[in-house]
């Protein structure tokens, strides 16, 4: 194990990292970056790396742009901060709001802006504005926000509930009310086990089925990223957003596009709404709005939505929402300078050109790598999904291990890429990279994936689909034979009570108790209160997991296997090899 640097030790002693395993920080320490220049970063060991993820999808114009630094310094010397609360303003917030509204297609009517400090706040704002829009019309029952499995919209309580990545929602107590989720347009491993285009866009049609089931009078809005980001960089199939917009229009539902990641050139167009030709009623921006130089988010609202709110609110009643740093003058100055660079250098066009080249080269160079299942992307937003078996698309037995190994090996060799959901290696470099940089990214990734495969594949081959003599053919057979499949050596010190519920026609419920190195299985007529966790899946999916045709990691990620209660039970389930 590499010894921690002084900065990493100090970091481990005091800093709590977002979306990071605490034990990993204690054992490995942080990777500390001390300098950025263009598309390169330098860590505290003196290692120079390509910033293959623009920090966190943020640094669209690259690091160290003097135009932005000068704009920030000038604004600091003029007016470092003032509020936009209670009808107050300042020039930079006005200029940036005007500038943004002029960038959208005029027919979309996106003419109003509320600023915040980042994407979670901006999505929270849009959720509240949507509900306010319906409430002032006397339709306060119309408060349900429909989102998608695998979507990401932030980590406040409301935006976390809108997020469809389940590990990001575990263990935080009661969630916000009024959110529903439908399947995502994840064509490589379809949540509905269908194939595009013969599926007829069933994932989009699921939205209308939900609306008709619950009643359109309860549905306030549909929220979606143009390209699903954190869950594995998943672009939609052709026709998807046209169908979603059609359903929204038919039922009078507002459409919110979360462009926190896709905005300002990332997809090869200035905005994802242009890439996919979809008209939103509200839009969320952050990240590329300021290229991360200072924290800034924006909620953009169509004029028809704003006019309804403004004219239907009682006289003198304010919109009781906002943030201390809404429209922070120095952040707005940074954003204005950032937009100048993006437009002057046509960074959206460069993202389309270099991004297309990068995907093409990755597909050529990684064609023979057994673990490379899918290479997908749009512009400079690219994902490489790794699988244990390319033919069956079976995932790895250890969730997130393969892509994390690639991330770590690549870092050692000079590239920062990101291990993401769906066992995906993510790339989202600054939008000004050239083809030579793209070639270097491909070279480093090829070496990293080769090294990971040498480490991981031998064990995965041993854990593949079970031979016919060991396979089960029904859920009932699985639980009947669970005791004979049980290995007491794996259960030392384990005390666990779990329920397994069967979804679908007929149902079924089993209680599995592991205690003192033994296992007992009981058929239940009704749920038990003493179970620490309850698992849910269809009979077919329980059988696939037991036979090794569907990895437990894939089952949890796609919500084909769900758990209520103690999340530690989910980890123990894999360790005990009960499924």
Protein backbone atom coordinates (compact mmCIF):
# COMPACT_ATOMS: atom_id res chain seq x y z
CA UNK A 1 0.00 0.00 0.00
CA UNK A 2 1.34 3.46 -0.90
CA UNK A 3 2.12 5.55 2.17
CA UNK A 4 -0.11 8.59 2.70
CA UNK A 5 1.34 12.02 2.01
CA UNK A 6 1.28 14.67 4.73
CA UNK A 7 -1.71 16.39 3.10
CA UNK A 8 -3.59 13.10 2.84
CA UNK A 9 -2.98 12.37 6.54
CA UNK A 10 -4.26 15.81 7.52
CA UNK A 11 -7.23 15.34 5.22
CA UNK A 12 -8.09 11.98 6.83
CA UNK A 13 -7.98 13.56 10.29
CA UNK A 14 -10.58 16.26 9.66
CA UNK A 15 -12.29 16.37 6.24
CA UNK A 16 -15.57 14.55 5.58
CA UNK A 17 -15.76 13.76 1.85
CA UNK A 18 -19.03 13.73 -0.12
CA UNK A 19 -20.13 10.34 -1.53
CA UNK A 20 -17.02 8.61 -0.15
CA UNK A 21 -16.57 5.52 2.04
CA UNK A 22 -15.03 6.67 5.36
CA UNK A 23 -13.03 3.45 5.76
CA UNK A 24 -11.47 4.00 2.35
CA UNK A 25 -10.21 7.40 3.49
CA UNK A 26 -8.83 5.89 6.70
CA UNK A 27 -7.01 3.12 4.81
CA UNK A 28 -5.95 4.75 1.53
CA UNK A 29 -6.21 8.48 2.10
CA UNK A 30 -7.37 11.09 -0.38
CA UNK A 31 -5.78 11.73 -3.75
CA UNK A 32 -4.81 15.36 -3.23
CA UNK A 33 -4.71 17.66 -6.27
CA UNK A 34 -2.63 20.82 -5.85
CA UNK A 35 -2.63 22.45 -9.29
CA UNK A 36 -4.60 22.64 -12.53
CA UNK A 37 -3.52 23.98 -15.91
CA UNK A 38 -5.61 23.53 -19.05
CA UNK A 39 -6.77 19.93 -19.15
CA UNK A 40 -3.97 18.77 -16.82
CA UNK A 41 -3.87 18.48 -13.03
CA UNK A 42 -0.98 17.78 -10.62
CA UNK A 43 -1.26 15.81 -7.39
CA UNK A 44 0.74 16.27 -4.19
CA UNK A 45 3.21 13.60 -5.27
CA UNK A 46 4.12 15.67 -8.33
CA UNK A 47 2.24 13.35 -10.70
CA UNK A 48 0.80 15.08 -13.81
CA UNK A 49 -2.56 13.72 -15.02
CA UNK A 50 -5.14 14.40 -17.69
CA UNK A 51 -8.27 15.62 -15.92
CA UNK A 52 -10.54 13.16 -17.69
CA UNK A 53 -13.59 14.15 -15.68
CA UNK A 54 -13.28 17.95 -15.54
CA UNK A 55 -13.18 17.73 -11.76
CA UNK A 56 -16.79 16.62 -11.39
CA UNK A 57 -18.21 17.34 -14.88
CA UNK A 58 -17.48 21.02 -14.15
CA UNK A 59 -14.38 22.52 -15.76
CA UNK A 60 -15.69 22.85 -19.31
CA UNK A 61 -13.15 25.53 -20.32
CA UNK A 62 -10.18 23.89 -18.60
CA UNK A 63 -8.20 24.98 -15.56
CA UNK A 64 -6.49 28.32 -14.98
CA UNK A 65 -8.24 30.54 -17.53
CA UNK A 66 -6.90 34.08 -16.94
CA UNK A 67 -10.08 35.70 -18.32
CA UNK A 68 -12.17 34.18 -15.52
CA UNK A 69 -9.56 34.90 -12.86
CA UNK A 70 -9.37 38.54 -13.97
CA UNK A 71 -13.17 38.89 -14.02
CA UNK A 72 -13.39 37.51 -10.47
CA UNK A 73 -10.64 39.84 -9.22
CA UNK A 74 -12.28 42.88 -10.81
CA UNK A 75 -15.68 42.03 -9.33
CA UNK A 76 -14.15 41.42 -5.89
CA UNK A 77 -12.66 44.90 -6.04
CA UNK A 78 -16.01 46.44 -7.09
CA UNK A 79 -18.73 44.55 -5.17
CA UNK A 80 -17.71 41.19 -3.72
CA UNK A 81 -21.21 40.31 -2.42
CA UNK A 82 -24.73 41.61 -2.19
CA UNK A 83 -28.09 39.91 -1.83
CA UNK A 84 -30.91 39.49 -4.33
CA UNK A 85 -33.45 38.95 -1.51
CA UNK A 86 -36.36 41.37 -0.95
CA UNK A 87 -36.22 42.96 -4.40
CA UNK A 88 -32.54 43.95 -4.35
CA UNK A 89 -30.16 43.34 -7.24
CA UNK A 90 -26.80 44.18 -8.78
CA UNK A 91 -25.43 44.43 -12.34
CA UNK A 92 -23.80 41.01 -12.69
CA UNK A 93 -26.93 39.03 -11.76
CA UNK A 94 -28.92 41.14 -14.23
CA UNK A 95 -26.34 40.66 -17.00
CA UNK A 96 -26.09 36.92 -16.47
CA UNK A 97 -29.87 36.42 -16.40
CA UNK A 98 -30.17 38.38 -19.66
CA UNK A 99 -27.29 36.45 -21.21
CA UNK A 100 -28.74 33.06 -20.32
CA UNK A 101 -32.23 33.80 -21.59
CA UNK A 102 -30.80 35.00 -24.91
CA UNK A 103 -29.00 31.66 -25.40
CA UNK A 104 -32.16 29.53 -25.61
CA UNK A 105 -34.34 29.02 -28.69
CA UNK A 106 -36.77 32.00 -28.54
CA UNK A 107 -39.79 29.78 -29.19
CA UNK A 108 -39.11 27.97 -25.89
CA UNK A 109 -39.94 31.11 -23.90
CA UNK A 110 -37.30 30.42 -21.24
CA UNK A 111 -37.17 33.98 -19.94
CA UNK A 112 -36.89 33.88 -16.14
CA UNK A 113 -33.96 32.87 -13.91
CA UNK A 114 -33.43 32.23 -10.19
CA UNK A 115 -29.83 31.66 -9.13
CA UNK A 116 -28.48 29.30 -6.47
CA UNK A 117 -25.14 27.82 -5.41
CA UNK A 118 -25.28 24.52 -7.31
CA UNK A 119 -27.27 21.77 -8.94
CA UNK A 120 -29.02 20.31 -5.90
CA UNK A 121 -30.27 23.76 -4.88
CA UNK A 122 -31.35 24.54 -8.44
CA UNK A 123 -33.33 21.29 -8.72
CA UNK A 124 -34.85 21.92 -5.29
CA UNK A 125 -35.91 25.34 -6.60
CA UNK A 126 -37.54 23.88 -9.69
CA UNK A 127 -39.39 21.24 -7.67
CA UNK A 128 -40.79 23.97 -5.40
CA UNK A 129 -41.68 26.26 -8.31
CA UNK A 130 -43.53 23.42 -10.04
CA UNK A 131 -45.60 22.74 -6.93
CA UNK A 132 -46.21 26.46 -6.42
CA UNK A 133 -47.38 26.74 -10.04
CA UNK A 134 -50.14 24.21 -9.39
CA UNK A 135 -50.95 25.40 -5.86
CA UNK A 136 -51.70 28.99 -6.90
CA UNK A 137 -54.18 27.57 -9.42
CA UNK A 138 -56.01 25.73 -6.65
CA UNK A 139 -54.61 22.34 -7.73
CA UNK A 140 -52.51 21.50 -4.68
CA UNK A 141 -53.29 17.78 -5.14
CA UNK A 142 -51.14 18.05 -8.25
CA UNK A 143 -47.81 17.71 -6.46
CA UNK A 144 -46.29 14.39 -7.61
CA UNK A 145 -42.93 14.62 -9.40
CA UNK A 146 -42.19 11.69 -11.74
CA UNK A 147 -38.50 10.86 -12.15
CA UNK A 148 -36.58 7.88 -13.54
CA UNK A 149 -34.70 4.98 -12.07
CA UNK A 150 -30.95 5.65 -12.38
CA UNK A 151 -31.51 9.40 -12.66
CA UNK A 152 -29.55 11.80 -10.46
CA UNK A 153 -30.92 15.17 -9.32
CA UNK A 154 -29.04 15.98 -6.12
CA UNK A 155 -28.75 14.99 -2.47
CA UNK A 156 -30.99 17.32 -0.50
CA UNK A 157 -33.95 15.41 0.95
CA UNK A 158 -36.27 16.27 -1.96
CA UNK A 159 -33.70 15.91 -4.75
CA UNK A 160 -32.38 12.69 -3.19
CA UNK A 161 -35.92 11.32 -3.31
CA UNK A 162 -36.15 12.31 -6.97
CA UNK A 163 -32.83 10.55 -7.58
CA UNK A 164 -33.26 6.98 -8.82
CA UNK A 165 -29.87 5.61 -7.70
CA UNK A 166 -30.91 3.62 -4.65
CA UNK A 167 -27.57 3.41 -2.75
CA UNK A 168 -27.61 7.22 -2.60
CA UNK A 169 -30.95 7.08 -0.74
CA UNK A 170 -30.25 4.38 1.83
CA UNK A 171 -30.10 5.07 5.58
CA UNK A 172 -31.19 8.73 5.54
CA UNK A 173 -34.56 8.17 7.18
CA UNK A 174 -37.98 9.14 5.81
CA UNK A 175 -37.84 10.51 2.29
CA UNK A 176 -39.86 13.38 0.85
CA UNK A 177 -43.42 12.63 -0.20
CA UNK A 178 -44.79 12.97 -3.70
CA UNK A 179 -42.19 11.28 -5.91
CA UNK A 180 -42.60 8.36 -8.31
CA UNK A 181 -40.10 6.61 -10.59
CA UNK A 182 -40.40 4.89 -13.96
CA UNK A 183 -37.86 2.71 -15.84
CA UNK A 184 -34.97 4.52 -17.49
CA UNK A 185 -34.07 4.35 -21.20
CA UNK A 186 -31.12 2.04 -20.43
CA UNK A 187 -30.98 0.08 -23.66
CA UNK A 188 -27.83 -1.95 -22.99
CA UNK A 189 -29.41 -3.71 -19.99
CA UNK A 190 -33.06 -2.77 -20.31
CA UNK A 191 -34.93 -2.60 -17.00
CA UNK A 192 -37.90 -4.14 -18.83
CA UNK A 193 -35.92 -6.91 -20.60
CA UNK A 194 -36.84 -5.50 -24.02
CA UNK A 195 -34.86 -4.53 -27.12
CA UNK A 196 -34.85 -1.17 -28.90
CA UNK A 197 -36.52 -0.33 -31.28
CA UNK A 198 -38.98 -3.24 -31.13
CA UNK A 199 -39.78 -2.20 -27.54
CA UNK A 200 -41.81 0.72 -28.88
CA UNK A 201 -40.21 2.99 -26.24
CA UNK A 202 -41.90 1.04 -23.44
CA UNK A 203 -39.82 2.91 -20.85
CA UNK A 204 -41.35 6.21 -22.00
CA UNK A 205 -44.80 4.67 -22.26
CA UNK A 206 -44.46 3.65 -18.60
CA UNK A 207 -44.78 7.35 -17.80
CA UNK A 208 -48.23 7.55 -19.35
CA UNK A 209 -49.26 4.29 -17.69
CA UNK A 210 -48.32 5.79 -14.32
CA UNK A 211 -50.21 9.02 -15.10
CA UNK A 212 -53.36 7.11 -16.05
CA UNK A 213 -53.06 4.82 -13.03
CA UNK A 214 -52.64 7.65 -10.51
CA UNK A 215 -54.70 10.26 -12.33
CA UNK A 216 -53.25 13.25 -14.22
CA UNK A 217 -54.79 15.56 -11.63
CA UNK A 218 -52.06 14.39 -9.20
CA UNK A 219 -48.99 14.68 -11.48
CA UNK A 220 -47.14 18.01 -11.37
CA UNK A 221 -44.04 17.39 -13.48
CA UNK A 222 -41.64 14.96 -15.09
CA UNK A 223 -37.94 15.55 -14.36
CA UNK A 224 -35.09 14.03 -16.38
CA UNK A 225 -31.47 14.52 -17.37
CA UNK A 226 -31.06 14.70 -21.16
CA UNK A 227 -28.31 12.09 -20.69
CA UNK A 228 -28.36 10.05 -17.48
CA UNK A 229 -25.08 10.95 -15.82
CA UNK A 230 -23.94 9.52 -12.48
CA UNK A 231 -25.58 6.13 -13.05
CA UNK A 232 -23.37 5.38 -16.03
CA UNK A 233 -23.65 8.00 -18.83
CA UNK A 234 -26.73 6.66 -20.60
CA UNK A 235 -27.98 8.60 -23.65
CA UNK A 236 -31.64 8.13 -24.62
CA UNK A 237 -32.68 6.30 -27.79
CA UNK A 238 -34.11 8.20 -30.75
CA UNK A 239 -37.65 9.37 -30.16
CA UNK A 240 -37.54 9.08 -26.38
CA UNK A 241 -37.90 12.73 -25.45
CA UNK A 242 -40.40 13.39 -28.23
CA UNK A 243 -42.61 10.74 -26.63
CA UNK A 244 -42.10 12.20 -23.14
CA UNK A 245 -42.98 15.72 -24.35
CA UNK A 246 -46.07 14.36 -26.11
CA UNK A 247 -47.27 12.68 -22.89
CA UNK A 248 -46.63 15.84 -20.87
CA UNK A 249 -48.62 17.92 -23.36
CA UNK A 250 -51.50 15.46 -23.49
CA UNK A 251 -51.95 15.54 -19.71
CA UNK A 252 -50.90 19.12 -18.95
CA UNK A 253 -47.75 18.07 -17.08
CA UNK A 254 -44.68 20.31 -16.80
CA UNK A 255 -41.33 19.02 -18.12
CA UNK A 256 -38.19 19.81 -16.10
CA UNK A 257 -34.84 19.15 -17.78
CA UNK A 258 -31.91 18.72 -15.41
CA UNK A 259 -29.01 20.13 -17.46
CA UNK A 260 -26.60 20.41 -14.54
CA UNK A 261 -24.15 18.13 -16.39
CA UNK A 262 -25.23 18.46 -20.02
CA UNK A 263 -25.44 22.26 -20.19
CA UNK A 264 -22.92 24.55 -21.88
CA UNK A 265 -21.42 22.33 -24.55
CA UNK A 266 -20.97 18.95 -22.87
CA UNK A 267 -23.19 17.03 -25.35
CA UNK A 268 -21.75 18.65 -28.48
CA UNK A 269 -24.54 21.24 -28.55
CA UNK A 270 -24.79 24.20 -26.21
CA UNK A 271 -27.58 22.40 -24.34
CA UNK A 272 -28.96 18.87 -24.13
CA UNK A 273 -32.39 20.25 -25.05
CA UNK A 274 -30.89 21.14 -28.46
CA UNK A 275 -29.13 17.78 -28.84
CA UNK A 276 -32.46 15.97 -28.40
CA UNK A 277 -34.84 18.62 -29.74
CA UNK A 278 -37.00 18.82 -26.63
CA UNK A 279 -38.76 21.90 -25.23
CA UNK A 280 -38.71 22.09 -21.41
CA UNK A 281 -40.89 24.20 -19.13
CA UNK A 282 -38.14 24.53 -16.54
CA UNK A 283 -34.40 23.85 -16.76
CA UNK A 284 -31.70 23.32 -14.14
CA UNK A 285 -28.09 24.43 -14.65
CA UNK A 286 -24.86 24.41 -12.61
CA UNK A 287 -21.34 22.98 -13.15
CA UNK A 288 -20.52 24.21 -16.69
CA UNK A 289 -22.35 27.49 -16.04
CA UNK A 290 -19.23 28.75 -14.26
CA UNK A 291 -16.93 25.84 -15.22
CA UNK A 292 -16.68 25.23 -11.49
CA UNK A 293 -14.51 28.30 -10.93
CA UNK A 294 -17.07 29.45 -8.34
CA UNK A 295 -20.24 27.72 -7.06
CA UNK A 296 -23.28 28.69 -9.12
CA UNK A 297 -26.58 27.12 -10.16
CA UNK A 298 -29.57 28.43 -12.08
CA UNK A 299 -33.24 27.54 -12.38
CA UNK A 300 -34.66 28.78 -15.68
CA UNK A 301 -38.42 29.04 -15.99
CA UNK A 302 -40.62 29.42 -19.07
CA UNK A 303 -42.59 32.66 -19.20
CA UNK A 304 -45.95 30.90 -19.13
CA UNK A 305 -45.01 29.18 -15.87
CA UNK A 306 -43.70 32.38 -14.32
CA UNK A 307 -46.71 34.47 -15.34
CA UNK A 308 -49.08 31.94 -13.79
CA UNK A 309 -47.18 32.08 -10.50
CA UNK A 310 -46.74 35.85 -10.50
CA UNK A 311 -50.34 36.71 -11.39
CA UNK A 312 -52.05 34.09 -9.24
CA UNK A 313 -50.15 34.75 -6.01
CA UNK A 314 -52.10 37.00 -3.63
CA UNK A 315 -51.00 40.66 -3.60
CA UNK A 316 -47.84 41.32 -1.56
CA UNK A 317 -47.19 37.59 -1.03
CA UNK A 318 -43.53 36.76 -1.75
CA UNK A 319 -42.14 33.55 -3.19
CA UNK A 320 -40.67 32.34 0.09
CA UNK A 321 -37.71 30.56 -1.40
CA UNK A 322 -34.09 31.43 -2.10
CA UNK A 323 -30.56 31.16 -0.78
CA UNK A 324 -28.04 33.50 0.81
CA UNK A 325 -25.83 33.28 -2.26
CA UNK A 326 -28.58 33.46 -4.93
CA UNK A 327 -27.07 35.63 -7.65
CA UNK A 328 -23.72 36.11 -5.86
CA UNK A 329 -22.03 38.92 -7.85
CA UNK A 330 -18.57 37.36 -7.99
CA UNK A 331 -19.96 33.98 -9.07
CA UNK A 332 -22.03 35.70 -11.78
CA UNK A 333 -18.93 37.55 -13.02
CA UNK A 334 -17.08 34.23 -13.31
CA UNK A 335 -19.98 32.74 -15.26
CA UNK A 336 -20.12 35.64 -17.73
CA UNK A 337 -16.40 35.30 -18.49
CA UNK A 338 -16.82 31.53 -18.77
CA UNK A 339 -19.66 31.87 -21.30
CA UNK A 340 -17.52 34.24 -23.36
CA UNK A 341 -14.87 31.51 -23.70
CA UNK A 342 -17.35 28.73 -24.49
CA UNK A 343 -18.96 30.74 -27.28
CA UNK A 344 -15.80 32.37 -28.67
CA UNK A 345 -13.92 29.06 -28.94
CA UNK A 346 -16.96 27.01 -30.03
CA UNK A 347 -16.29 24.46 -27.32
CA UNK A 348 -19.60 22.72 -28.04
CA UNK A 349 -18.41 22.10 -31.59
CA UNK A 350 -15.06 20.84 -30.31
CA UNK A 351 -16.86 18.49 -27.90
CA UNK A 352 -18.83 17.04 -30.81
CA UNK A 353 -15.70 16.58 -32.95
CA UNK A 354 -13.23 15.27 -30.37
CA UNK A 355 -15.93 13.34 -28.51
CA UNK A 356 -16.92 11.48 -31.68
CA UNK A 357 -13.27 10.73 -32.38
CA UNK A 358 -12.68 9.51 -28.81
CA UNK A 359 -15.63 7.10 -28.91
CA UNK A 360 -14.47 5.75 -32.27
CA UNK A 361 -10.91 5.17 -31.01
CA UNK A 362 -12.12 3.53 -27.79
CA UNK A 363 -14.28 1.11 -29.77
CA UNK A 364 -11.35 0.23 -32.03
CA UNK A 365 -8.73 -0.21 -29.31
CA UNK A 366 -10.92 -1.98 -26.73
CA UNK A 367 -12.69 -4.27 -29.20
CA UNK A 368 -10.87 -7.38 -27.94
CA UNK A 369 -11.15 -6.68 -24.21
CA UNK A 370 -13.49 -9.29 -22.72
CA UNK A 371 -14.85 -7.01 -20.02
CA UNK A 372 -15.81 -4.09 -22.26
CA UNK A 373 -19.53 -4.53 -22.76
CA UNK A 374 -20.68 -1.17 -24.07
CA UNK A 375 -19.04 2.10 -25.10
CA UNK A 376 -21.58 4.91 -25.33
CA UNK A 377 -21.70 8.64 -25.23
CA UNK A 378 -22.58 11.96 -26.76
CA UNK A 379 -20.14 14.83 -27.14
CA UNK A 380 -17.53 14.64 -24.38
CA UNK A 381 -19.72 12.60 -22.07
CA UNK A 382 -18.61 8.99 -22.54
CA UNK A 383 -19.11 5.77 -20.59
CA UNK A 384 -17.39 2.38 -20.85
CA UNK A 385 -19.53 -0.27 -19.16
CA UNK A 386 -17.61 -3.28 -17.88
CA UNK A 387 -19.07 -6.78 -17.58
CA UNK A 388 -17.80 -10.15 -16.38
CA UNK A 389 -19.20 -11.85 -19.49
CA UNK A 390 -19.70 -9.89 -22.70
CA UNK A 391 -21.94 -12.50 -24.33
CA UNK A 392 -24.48 -12.59 -21.49
CA UNK A 393 -23.81 -9.05 -20.14
CA UNK A 394 -23.41 -10.62 -16.70
CA UNK A 395 -22.04 -8.22 -14.11
CA UNK A 396 -19.19 -8.79 -11.68
CA UNK A 397 -19.60 -10.62 -8.40
CA UNK A 398 -18.08 -7.69 -6.49
CA UNK A 399 -20.05 -4.55 -7.28
CA UNK A 400 -18.06 -1.51 -8.40
CA UNK A 401 -14.75 -3.35 -8.04
CA UNK A 402 -13.70 -3.61 -11.70
CA UNK A 403 -14.40 0.01 -12.62
CA UNK A 404 -12.79 1.22 -9.37
CA UNK A 405 -9.64 -0.76 -10.17
CA UNK A 406 -9.54 0.85 -13.63
CA UNK A 407 -9.92 4.29 -12.04
CA UNK A 408 -7.06 3.65 -9.59
CA UNK A 409 -4.72 2.13 -12.18
CA UNK A 410 -5.43 4.94 -14.65
CA UNK A 411 -4.64 7.53 -11.96
CA UNK A 412 -1.26 5.91 -11.34
CA UNK A 413 -0.60 6.08 -15.10
CA UNK A 414 -1.64 9.70 -15.64
CA UNK A 415 -5.43 9.86 -16.17
CA UNK A 416 -8.27 10.83 -13.88
CA UNK A 417 -11.42 8.97 -14.96
CA UNK A 418 -14.38 8.13 -12.74
CA UNK A 419 -15.78 4.81 -11.54
CA UNK A 420 -19.55 5.20 -11.87
CA UNK A 421 -22.83 3.37 -11.61
CA UNK A 422 -23.53 0.36 -13.86
CA UNK A 423 -19.84 -0.64 -13.46
CA UNK A 424 -19.02 2.18 -15.87
CA UNK A 425 -15.76 4.04 -16.37
CA UNK A 426 -16.77 7.64 -17.06
CA UNK A 427 -15.02 10.26 -19.18
CA UNK A 428 -16.01 13.94 -19.23
CA UNK A 429 -12.83 15.96 -19.82
CA UNK A 430 -12.64 19.72 -20.42
CA UNK A 431 -14.27 20.63 -23.71
CA UNK A 432 -11.10 22.13 -25.19
CA UNK A 433 -9.09 18.88 -25.37
CA UNK A 434 -7.64 17.95 -28.76
CA UNK A 435 -7.31 14.64 -30.58
CA UNK A 436 -3.78 14.08 -29.29
CA UNK A 437 -5.13 14.25 -25.74
CA UNK A 438 -7.92 11.85 -26.74
CA UNK A 439 -5.31 9.39 -28.05
CA UNK A 440 -3.45 9.54 -24.73
CA UNK A 441 -6.70 8.90 -22.83
CA UNK A 442 -7.29 5.80 -24.97
CA UNK A 443 -3.74 4.53 -24.42
CA UNK A 444 -3.91 4.86 -20.63
CA UNK A 445 -7.38 3.31 -20.43
CA UNK A 446 -6.34 0.36 -22.58
CA UNK A 447 -3.43 -0.39 -20.23
CA UNK A 448 -5.63 0.04 -17.15
CA UNK A 449 -8.37 -2.28 -18.44
CA UNK A 450 -5.80 -4.89 -19.48
CA UNK A 451 -4.31 -4.84 -15.97
CA UNK A 452 -7.74 -5.03 -14.32
CA UNK A 453 -8.73 -8.01 -16.47
CA UNK A 454 -5.58 -9.90 -15.50
CA UNK A 455 -6.48 -9.41 -11.83
CA UNK A 456 -10.25 -9.93 -11.93
CA UNK A 457 -11.22 -12.28 -14.75
CA UNK A 458 -9.79 -15.56 -13.37
CA UNK A 459 -11.98 -15.31 -10.28
CA UNK A 460 -15.02 -14.20 -12.28
CA UNK A 461 -14.75 -17.19 -14.61
CA UNK A 462 -14.91 -19.46 -11.55
CA UNK A 463 -18.06 -17.66 -10.35
CA UNK A 464 -19.92 -17.81 -13.65
CA UNK A 465 -23.25 -19.50 -14.39
CA UNK A 466 -23.70 -22.74 -12.47
CA UNK A 467 -23.63 -26.15 -14.19
CA UNK A 468 -26.98 -27.81 -14.84
CA UNK A 469 -26.61 -30.13 -11.84
CA UNK A 470 -26.48 -27.13 -9.47
CA UNK A 471 -29.12 -24.96 -11.11
CA UNK A 472 -32.55 -24.28 -9.66
CA UNK A 473 -35.67 -23.84 -11.76
CA UNK A 474 -38.11 -22.07 -9.46
CA UNK A 475 -38.10 -19.79 -6.44
CA UNK A 476 -39.61 -22.57 -4.35
CA UNK A 477 -36.76 -24.89 -5.31
CA UNK A 478 -34.22 -22.17 -4.51
CA UNK A 479 -35.44 -21.78 -0.93
CA UNK A 480 -36.00 -25.51 -0.47
CA UNK A 481 -32.39 -26.19 -1.49
CA UNK A 482 -30.87 -23.18 0.27
CA UNK A 483 -29.80 -25.25 3.28
CA UNK A 484 -27.84 -27.70 1.13
CA UNK A 485 -26.12 -24.78 -0.66
CA UNK A 486 -25.23 -23.14 2.66
CA UNK A 487 -21.57 -23.06 3.77
CA UNK A 488 -21.34 -22.85 7.61
CA UNK A 489 -17.74 -21.66 7.39
CA UNK A 490 -18.96 -18.39 5.88
CA UNK A 491 -21.44 -17.78 8.70
CA UNK A 492 -19.20 -17.70 11.76
CA UNK A 493 -20.43 -14.97 14.09
CA UNK A 494 -23.36 -14.06 11.83
CA UNK A 495 -26.80 -13.47 13.39
CA UNK A 496 -29.26 -12.52 10.67
CA UNK A 497 -33.00 -12.84 10.03
CA UNK A 498 -34.16 -12.08 6.47
CA UNK A 499 -37.44 -12.30 4.59
CA UNK A 500 -37.65 -12.98 0.87
CA UNK A 501 -40.85 -11.79 -0.79
CA UNK A 502 -41.95 -12.95 -4.22
CA UNK A 503 -43.30 -10.21 -6.49
CA UNK A 504 -45.95 -10.96 -9.09
CA UNK A 505 -48.83 -13.38 -9.44
CA UNK A 506 -49.26 -15.75 -6.52
CA UNK A 507 -46.59 -14.13 -4.36
CA UNK A 508 -44.73 -16.06 -1.72
CA UNK A 509 -42.75 -15.31 1.43
CA UNK A 510 -39.82 -17.13 3.05
CA UNK A 511 -37.96 -16.46 6.29
CA UNK A 512 -34.24 -17.28 6.36
CA UNK A 513 -32.46 -17.30 9.72
CA UNK A 514 -28.66 -17.56 9.98
CA UNK A 515 -27.46 -18.07 13.55
CA UNK A 516 -24.60 -19.90 15.28
CA UNK A 517 -23.26 -21.22 11.97
CA UNK A 518 -26.56 -22.77 10.93
CA UNK A 519 -29.36 -21.83 8.54
CA UNK A 520 -33.11 -22.38 8.76
CA UNK A 521 -35.69 -21.66 6.04
CA UNK A 522 -39.41 -21.29 6.78
CA UNK A 523 -42.40 -20.59 4.54
CA UNK A 524 -44.49 -17.72 5.93
CA UNK A 525 -48.14 -16.82 5.57
CA UNK A 526 -47.58 -13.23 6.73
CA UNK A 527 -44.58 -10.93 7.23
CA UNK A 528 -42.63 -11.16 10.49
CA UNK A 529 -41.64 -8.14 12.58
CA UNK A 530 -38.32 -9.62 13.72
CA UNK A 531 -36.73 -9.71 10.24
CA UNK A 532 -33.85 -7.26 9.89
CA UNK A 533 -34.40 -6.96 6.13
CA UNK A 534 -36.91 -7.96 3.48
CA UNK A 535 -35.83 -8.66 -0.10
CA UNK A 536 -38.18 -8.33 -3.07
CA UNK A 537 -37.83 -9.81 -6.58
CA UNK A 538 -39.77 -11.79 -9.13
CA UNK A 539 -39.46 -15.56 -9.20
CA UNK A 540 -37.58 -15.36 -12.49
CA UNK A 541 -35.02 -12.92 -11.10
CA UNK A 542 -34.44 -14.91 -7.90
CA UNK A 543 -33.71 -17.92 -10.12
CA UNK A 544 -31.36 -15.94 -12.39
CA UNK A 545 -29.39 -14.64 -9.41
CA UNK A 546 -29.14 -18.09 -7.81
CA UNK A 547 -27.94 -19.65 -11.08
CA UNK A 548 -25.32 -16.96 -11.70
CA UNK A 549 -27.07 -15.63 -14.81
CA UNK A 550 -27.71 -12.26 -13.13
CA UNK A 551 -25.16 -10.88 -10.69
CA UNK A 552 -26.38 -9.61 -7.35
CA UNK A 553 -24.71 -6.28 -8.12
CA UNK A 554 -26.67 -5.91 -11.36
CA UNK A 555 -29.87 -6.97 -9.62
CA UNK A 556 -29.51 -4.29 -6.94
CA UNK A 557 -28.38 -1.61 -9.39
CA UNK A 558 -31.35 -2.14 -11.69
CA UNK A 559 -33.76 -2.62 -8.76
CA UNK A 560 -34.67 -6.13 -9.88
CA UNK A 561 -33.70 -7.08 -6.32
CA UNK A 562 -34.80 -4.55 -3.70
CA UNK A 563 -34.26 -4.44 0.05
CA UNK A 564 -36.22 -2.84 2.88
CA UNK A 565 -34.62 -2.54 6.29
CA UNK A 566 -31.01 -3.21 7.29
CA UNK A 567 -28.76 -2.52 4.33
CA UNK A 568 -25.98 -4.52 5.92
CA UNK A 569 -28.10 -7.59 5.23
CA UNK A 570 -27.67 -6.98 1.51
CA UNK A 571 -23.90 -7.18 1.87
CA UNK A 572 -24.16 -10.28 4.07
CA UNK A 573 -26.40 -11.96 1.50
CA UNK A 574 -23.53 -11.85 -0.99
CA UNK A 575 -20.88 -12.86 1.53
CA UNK A 576 -22.91 -15.91 2.59
CA UNK A 577 -23.55 -16.83 -1.09
CA UNK A 578 -27.19 -17.55 -0.31
CA UNK A 579 -28.25 -16.33 -3.74
